Protein backbone atom coordinates (compact mmCIF):
# COMPACT_ATOMS: atom_id res chain seq x y z
CA MET A 1 13.80 20.09 -21.66
CA MET A 2 14.29 18.24 -18.38
CA ARG A 3 10.54 18.32 -17.80
CA HIS A 4 10.14 16.29 -20.99
CA LEU A 5 12.94 13.89 -20.07
CA PHE A 6 11.36 12.70 -16.88
CA PHE A 7 7.90 12.54 -18.44
CA LEU A 8 9.26 10.29 -21.20
CA PHE A 9 11.19 8.15 -18.73
CA SER A 10 7.93 7.33 -16.95
CA ALA A 11 6.53 6.00 -20.22
CA VAL A 12 9.50 3.64 -20.56
CA VAL A 13 9.43 2.36 -16.99
CA VAL A 14 5.71 1.56 -17.13
CA ALA A 15 6.65 -1.26 -19.52
CA THR A 16 8.96 -2.71 -16.86
CA GLY A 17 6.24 -2.45 -14.22
CA ALA A 18 3.70 -4.10 -16.47
CA ALA A 19 6.07 -6.96 -17.24
CA ARG A 20 6.26 -7.78 -13.55
CA ALA A 21 2.51 -7.60 -13.12
CA GLN A 22 1.82 -10.86 -14.97
CA ASN A 23 1.30 -13.32 -12.15
CA ASN A 24 -2.10 -14.82 -11.31
CA VAL A 25 -0.85 -15.92 -7.89
CA GLY A 26 0.75 -12.62 -6.89
CA ALA A 27 -0.67 -9.81 -9.01
CA GLN A 28 0.29 -7.58 -6.12
CA ILE A 29 3.78 -7.41 -7.60
CA GLY A 30 2.21 -5.60 -10.50
CA THR A 31 2.55 -1.91 -9.93
CA GLU A 32 5.70 -1.63 -7.83
CA GLN A 33 7.70 -0.19 -10.72
CA ASP A 34 4.86 2.22 -11.48
CA ILE A 35 4.83 3.40 -7.87
CA ILE A 36 8.60 3.74 -7.57
CA ARG A 37 8.77 5.74 -10.77
CA ARG A 38 6.66 8.48 -9.16
CA GLY A 39 9.45 8.95 -6.64
CA GLU A 40 12.07 9.08 -9.41
CA ALA A 41 10.30 10.64 -12.39
CA ARG A 42 9.61 14.04 -10.94
CA GLU A 43 9.77 17.06 -13.22
CA THR A 44 13.10 18.85 -13.05
CA GLU A 45 12.36 22.47 -13.94
CA GLN A 46 15.18 24.51 -15.43
CA ARG A 47 16.02 27.75 -13.67
CA ILE A 48 14.96 30.81 -15.66
CA PRO A 49 17.50 33.66 -15.93
CA PHE A 50 16.16 37.20 -16.03
CA ARG A 51 17.43 40.79 -16.04
CA LEU A 52 16.56 43.92 -14.11
CA THR A 53 17.15 47.49 -15.29
CA ASP A 54 18.06 50.22 -12.78
CA PRO A 55 18.31 53.89 -13.89
CA GLU A 56 21.52 54.37 -11.88
CA LEU A 57 23.14 50.93 -12.00
CA GLY A 58 22.09 49.92 -15.50
CA GLU A 59 21.20 46.34 -16.40
CA ILE A 60 21.64 43.74 -13.66
CA ASP A 61 21.61 40.02 -14.45
CA ILE A 62 20.02 37.98 -11.66
CA VAL A 63 21.56 34.53 -11.28
CA SER A 64 18.28 32.61 -11.62
CA ARG A 65 14.79 32.24 -10.32
CA ALA A 66 12.92 29.00 -9.70
CA PRO A 67 9.58 28.70 -11.51
CA ARG A 68 6.61 27.73 -9.41
CA PRO A 69 5.58 24.09 -10.10
CA LYS A 70 2.14 23.49 -11.59
CA MET A 71 -0.45 22.99 -8.86
CA PHE A 72 -2.58 20.47 -10.79
CA THR A 73 -1.45 17.83 -13.27
CA PHE A 74 -3.64 15.30 -15.07
CA SER A 75 -2.20 12.60 -17.30
CA THR A 76 -2.97 9.33 -19.02
CA ASP A 77 -0.91 6.53 -20.56
CA GLN A 78 -2.34 4.00 -22.97
CA ASN A 79 -0.01 1.03 -23.45
CA LEU A 80 -0.30 -1.91 -25.84
CA LEU A 81 2.22 -4.54 -24.79
CA TYR A 82 3.38 -8.03 -25.73
CA THR A 83 4.99 -10.40 -23.24
CA THR A 84 6.96 -13.56 -23.87
CA ASN A 85 6.27 -14.94 -20.38
CA ALA A 86 2.79 -14.11 -19.09
CA PHE A 87 3.06 -16.21 -15.93
CA LEU A 88 6.73 -15.43 -15.14
CA LEU A 89 7.72 -19.11 -15.20
CA PRO A 90 11.21 -20.60 -15.63
CA ASN A 91 9.84 -23.09 -18.19
CA ASN A 92 6.79 -23.56 -20.41
CA GLU A 93 6.59 -19.83 -21.13
CA GLN A 94 3.35 -18.53 -22.65
CA ASP A 95 3.14 -15.30 -24.63
CA THR A 96 0.26 -12.88 -25.05
CA PHE A 97 -0.72 -9.30 -25.78
CA PHE A 98 -2.11 -7.10 -23.02
CA TRP A 99 -3.25 -3.55 -22.44
CA ASN A 100 -2.42 -1.22 -19.58
CA GLY A 101 -4.46 1.96 -19.23
CA ARG A 102 -3.47 4.54 -16.63
CA VAL A 103 -5.01 7.79 -15.43
CA ASN A 104 -3.26 10.04 -12.97
CA ALA A 105 -3.96 13.23 -11.04
CA SER A 106 -1.48 15.09 -8.84
CA PHE A 107 -1.69 18.13 -6.58
CA VAL A 108 1.09 20.39 -5.27
CA PRO A 109 -0.34 22.39 -2.34
CA TYR A 110 2.71 24.68 -2.06
CA ALA A 111 6.42 24.69 -2.84
CA THR A 112 9.63 26.46 -1.93
CA VAL A 113 12.84 26.84 -3.93
CA ASN A 114 14.18 23.51 -2.61
CA PHE A 115 11.14 21.61 -1.37
CA THR A 116 8.12 20.29 -3.30
CA PRO A 117 5.43 18.06 -1.76
CA ARG A 118 3.11 16.28 -4.18
CA LEU A 119 -0.03 14.19 -3.64
CA THR A 120 -0.84 11.80 -6.50
CA PHE A 121 -3.77 9.50 -7.24
CA ASP A 122 -3.16 6.80 -9.81
CA GLN A 123 -5.57 4.31 -11.41
CA ASN A 124 -4.28 1.40 -13.51
CA PHE A 125 -6.11 -1.21 -15.61
CA PHE A 126 -4.47 -4.40 -16.91
CA ARG A 127 -6.30 -6.58 -19.48
CA TYR A 128 -4.80 -9.68 -21.10
CA ASP A 129 -5.75 -11.02 -24.51
CA GLU A 130 -5.66 -14.77 -23.85
CA PHE A 131 -5.42 -15.07 -20.05
CA SER A 132 -8.29 -13.18 -18.47
CA THR A 133 -7.38 -14.66 -15.08
CA LEU A 134 -4.46 -12.22 -15.04
CA ASP A 135 -6.70 -9.14 -15.39
CA PHE A 136 -6.55 -6.71 -12.47
CA ASP A 137 -6.96 -3.05 -11.56
CA SER A 138 -5.06 -0.96 -9.03
CA SER A 139 -5.75 2.27 -7.16
CA THR A 140 -2.92 4.11 -5.40
CA LEU A 141 -2.46 7.28 -3.41
CA THR A 142 1.08 8.65 -2.95
CA LEU A 143 2.58 11.45 -0.92
CA ASP A 144 5.97 12.38 -2.37
CA LEU A 145 8.41 14.87 -0.83
CA LYS A 146 11.15 16.16 -3.12
CA TYR A 147 14.13 18.14 -1.85
CA ASP A 148 16.67 19.82 -4.15
CA PHE A 149 20.23 19.96 -2.86
CA ASN A 150 21.31 22.72 -5.26
CA ARG A 151 19.74 25.51 -7.25
CA ALA A 152 20.49 23.82 -10.56
CA ASP A 153 18.33 20.85 -9.46
CA THR A 154 20.97 18.35 -10.54
CA TRP A 155 21.01 16.63 -7.12
CA PHE A 156 17.73 15.86 -5.36
CA ALA A 157 16.13 13.37 -2.99
CA ASN A 158 12.64 11.89 -2.85
CA LEU A 159 10.84 10.37 0.09
CA SER A 160 7.41 8.91 -0.60
CA TYR A 161 4.74 6.69 0.90
CA THR A 162 2.08 4.93 -1.16
CA GLY A 163 -1.09 3.13 -0.20
CA ALA A 164 -2.26 0.69 -2.88
CA LEU A 165 -5.26 -1.56 -3.49
CA LEU A 166 -5.22 -4.25 -6.20
CA TYR A 167 -8.48 -5.90 -7.16
CA SER A 168 -10.03 -8.06 -9.85
CA PRO A 169 -12.53 -6.67 -12.38
CA ASP A 170 -14.57 -9.79 -11.59
CA GLU A 171 -16.95 -8.76 -8.80
CA ASP A 172 -16.98 -12.31 -7.43
CA THR A 173 -13.21 -12.16 -6.86
CA GLY A 174 -12.98 -8.62 -5.51
CA GLU A 175 -9.90 -7.46 -3.63
CA ILE A 176 -6.62 -9.24 -4.37
CA TYR A 177 -4.08 -7.41 -2.27
CA ARG A 178 -3.44 -4.17 -0.41
CA TYR A 179 -0.13 -2.76 0.68
CA GLY A 180 1.91 0.28 1.66
CA LEU A 181 5.23 1.20 0.06
CA LEU A 182 7.84 3.45 1.66
CA ASN A 183 10.46 4.61 -0.83
CA GLY A 184 13.53 6.83 -0.55
CA SER A 185 15.98 7.78 -3.29
CA ILE A 186 18.75 10.19 -4.29
CA SER A 187 19.11 11.23 -7.94
CA HIS A 188 21.71 13.04 -10.02
CA VAL A 189 21.15 14.63 -13.43
CA ARG A 190 24.14 15.35 -15.66
CA GLN A 191 24.44 16.76 -19.15
CA LEU A 192 27.29 15.04 -20.99
CA PRO A 193 29.79 17.71 -22.15
CA GLY A 194 29.49 18.61 -25.82
CA LEU A 195 26.75 16.04 -26.51
CA PRO A 196 22.94 16.21 -26.68
CA VAL A 197 22.83 13.44 -24.07
CA THR A 198 21.57 13.67 -20.51
CA GLY A 199 22.25 11.01 -17.88
CA VAL A 200 20.13 10.36 -14.80
CA GLY A 201 21.25 8.10 -11.95
CA THR A 202 19.09 7.11 -8.99
CA LEU A 203 20.03 5.08 -5.92
CA GLY A 204 17.15 4.08 -3.69
CA ALA A 205 15.57 1.67 -1.26
CA SER A 206 11.97 0.69 -0.55
CA TRP A 207 9.96 -1.32 1.94
CA ARG A 208 6.64 -2.89 1.06
CA HIS A 209 4.28 -4.23 3.70
CA GLY A 210 0.84 -5.56 2.91
CA ASP A 211 -2.03 -7.96 3.40
CA PRO A 212 -1.33 -10.81 2.87
CA GLY A 213 2.11 -10.30 4.37
CA GLU A 214 3.78 -13.15 2.47
CA PHE A 215 4.63 -10.66 -0.28
CA ASP A 216 6.38 -8.15 2.02
CA ARG A 217 9.86 -7.22 0.86
CA ALA A 218 12.70 -4.72 1.16
CA THR A 219 14.44 -3.59 -2.04
CA ILE A 220 17.68 -1.81 -2.90
CA TYR A 221 17.84 -0.53 -6.46
CA LEU A 222 19.87 1.53 -8.91
CA ASN A 223 18.54 3.23 -12.03
CA ALA A 224 20.75 4.50 -14.84
CA VAL A 225 19.08 6.31 -17.73
CA LEU A 226 20.42 8.06 -20.84
CA PHE A 227 18.41 10.51 -22.96
CA TYR A 228 19.61 11.39 -26.45
CA SER A 229 17.91 14.09 -28.53
CA PRO A 230 18.97 13.98 -32.20
CA ILE A 231 16.23 16.50 -33.00
CA ASN A 232 13.97 18.65 -30.88
CA MET A 233 10.85 16.45 -30.92
CA LEU A 234 12.59 13.05 -30.73
CA GLN A 235 14.09 11.28 -27.73
CA VAL A 236 16.06 8.04 -27.70
CA ILE A 237 16.13 6.47 -24.25
CA ALA A 238 18.18 3.61 -22.76
CA PHE A 239 17.98 2.43 -19.18
CA LEU A 240 19.38 -0.23 -16.88
CA ARG A 241 17.99 -1.18 -13.46
CA PRO A 242 19.51 -3.77 -11.11
CA ASP A 243 17.70 -4.38 -7.83
CA LEU A 244 18.05 -6.72 -4.88
CA GLN A 245 14.88 -7.86 -3.10
CA PHE A 246 14.71 -9.40 0.37
CA TYR A 247 11.48 -11.29 1.06
CA LEU A 248 10.50 -10.69 4.65
CA CYS A 249 7.62 -13.13 5.17
CA ASP A 250 7.81 -15.72 2.40
CA PRO A 251 6.07 -18.83 3.82
CA ASN A 252 8.11 -21.19 1.63
CA ASP A 253 11.57 -19.67 2.17
CA SER A 254 12.15 -17.20 5.01
CA SER A 255 15.59 -16.28 3.61
CA ARG A 256 14.49 -15.79 -0.01
CA THR A 257 16.48 -13.14 -1.91
CA ASP A 258 15.90 -12.18 -5.55
CA PHE A 259 18.15 -10.26 -7.91
CA ASN A 260 16.48 -8.57 -10.87
CA LEU A 261 18.16 -6.98 -13.86
CA SER A 262 16.04 -4.93 -16.24
CA GLY A 263 17.18 -3.07 -19.31
CA GLY A 264 15.52 -1.42 -22.23
CA VAL A 265 15.51 1.11 -25.02
CA GLY A 266 12.83 3.36 -26.41
CA VAL A 267 12.13 6.00 -29.01
CA VAL A 268 9.63 8.71 -28.14
CA TRP A 269 8.18 11.37 -30.43
CA THR A 270 6.66 14.48 -28.85
CA PRO A 271 4.84 16.53 -31.51
CA LYS A 272 3.18 18.68 -28.86
CA GLU A 273 4.38 19.70 -25.41
CA TYR A 274 2.04 17.36 -23.53
CA ILE A 275 1.54 14.54 -26.07
CA SER A 276 4.02 11.72 -26.69
CA LEU A 277 4.05 8.53 -28.76
CA GLY A 278 6.68 5.94 -28.00
CA VAL A 279 7.92 2.47 -28.88
CA THR A 280 9.86 0.65 -26.14
CA THR A 281 11.41 -2.75 -25.47
CA THR A 282 12.27 -4.10 -22.03
CA PHE A 283 14.04 -7.29 -20.97
CA THR A 284 14.01 -8.53 -17.37
CA SER A 285 15.89 -11.46 -15.81
CA ASN A 286 15.18 -12.69 -12.29
CA TRP A 287 17.52 -14.86 -10.24
CA SER A 288 16.09 -16.19 -6.97
CA SER A 289 17.65 -18.06 -4.06
CA SER A 290 14.35 -19.94 -3.83
CA ASP A 291 13.96 -22.41 -6.71
CA PRO A 292 12.20 -22.55 -9.09
CA ASN A 293 11.47 -18.81 -9.15
CA ASP A 294 13.95 -17.71 -11.85
CA TYR A 295 12.43 -16.30 -15.00
CA ASP A 296 13.11 -14.16 -18.08
CA VAL A 297 10.60 -11.90 -19.81
CA PHE A 298 10.75 -9.68 -22.88
CA VAL A 299 8.15 -6.91 -23.29
CA PRO A 300 7.93 -4.64 -26.34
CA SER A 301 5.24 -1.95 -26.21
CA VAL A 302 3.63 1.01 -27.90
CA VAL A 303 2.82 3.92 -25.57
CA LEU A 304 0.58 6.94 -26.11
CA SER A 305 0.88 9.52 -23.32
CA GLY A 306 -0.77 12.85 -22.69
CA ARG A 307 -1.13 15.31 -19.85
CA VAL A 308 -2.21 18.79 -18.94
CA ALA A 309 -0.91 20.93 -16.06
CA PHE A 310 -1.93 24.29 -14.66
């Protein structure tokens, strides 16, 4: 079940990442949420109990054994989204539909009971209905190290580093931005007593450095997510994410600090183990110490996700 929870959470958060990708001046902001989610949305495998039979001692229940993670995972998300503020402006907001296609491949070279390294390649495509100047693609490569603090996998930490390249589909424009992102987080998973509800909390920090350096920033964030399963194939998801961003090299304001608050809900149907269809809504408000950079954006979306692992 937990494997499904984190897979579905990634489908919700991609809407948040896409919402922040709508900026023709700084499209490099675009995939930060997508990158961070790979540090948070790792599969949490349940421990599998099993029993041994001894002719002299009888049946012996072993506490648990940890299943080996899948070595290869391939996935894709196809997202149709609508945004109320395509250019992330405080005034004169313009709305539009856009599409985000994502393909992903990850590799786990080895793993122990508590430690799982994972190498992931991710390719994203963003296409806007009315504002083609916002179109961009991104290619990322991430090394993520996950450490479990207990055998139940309810407390774990992630440390990851991502190299990213953002570029325009227009060959005359070419590369837009390249950067590296160092991210660290600690997460806790808790099943609410007596309820089919699971809560996930993540506290983390990240540092992004790139070329051009005017978009470098350090971020402290908190994620709170609730998963409710009224029936086996249906998940209702709600999440809240506050984060504080410190701009390190902003040429217009060297002390610029932004506070972002994102929240959303989603309903995801999983008819098959590796296929999901979801409807999500996300609202983000940004408050900046550097005027006039405040903005609000509302992004509903339809998400079709699939993957295979072996």
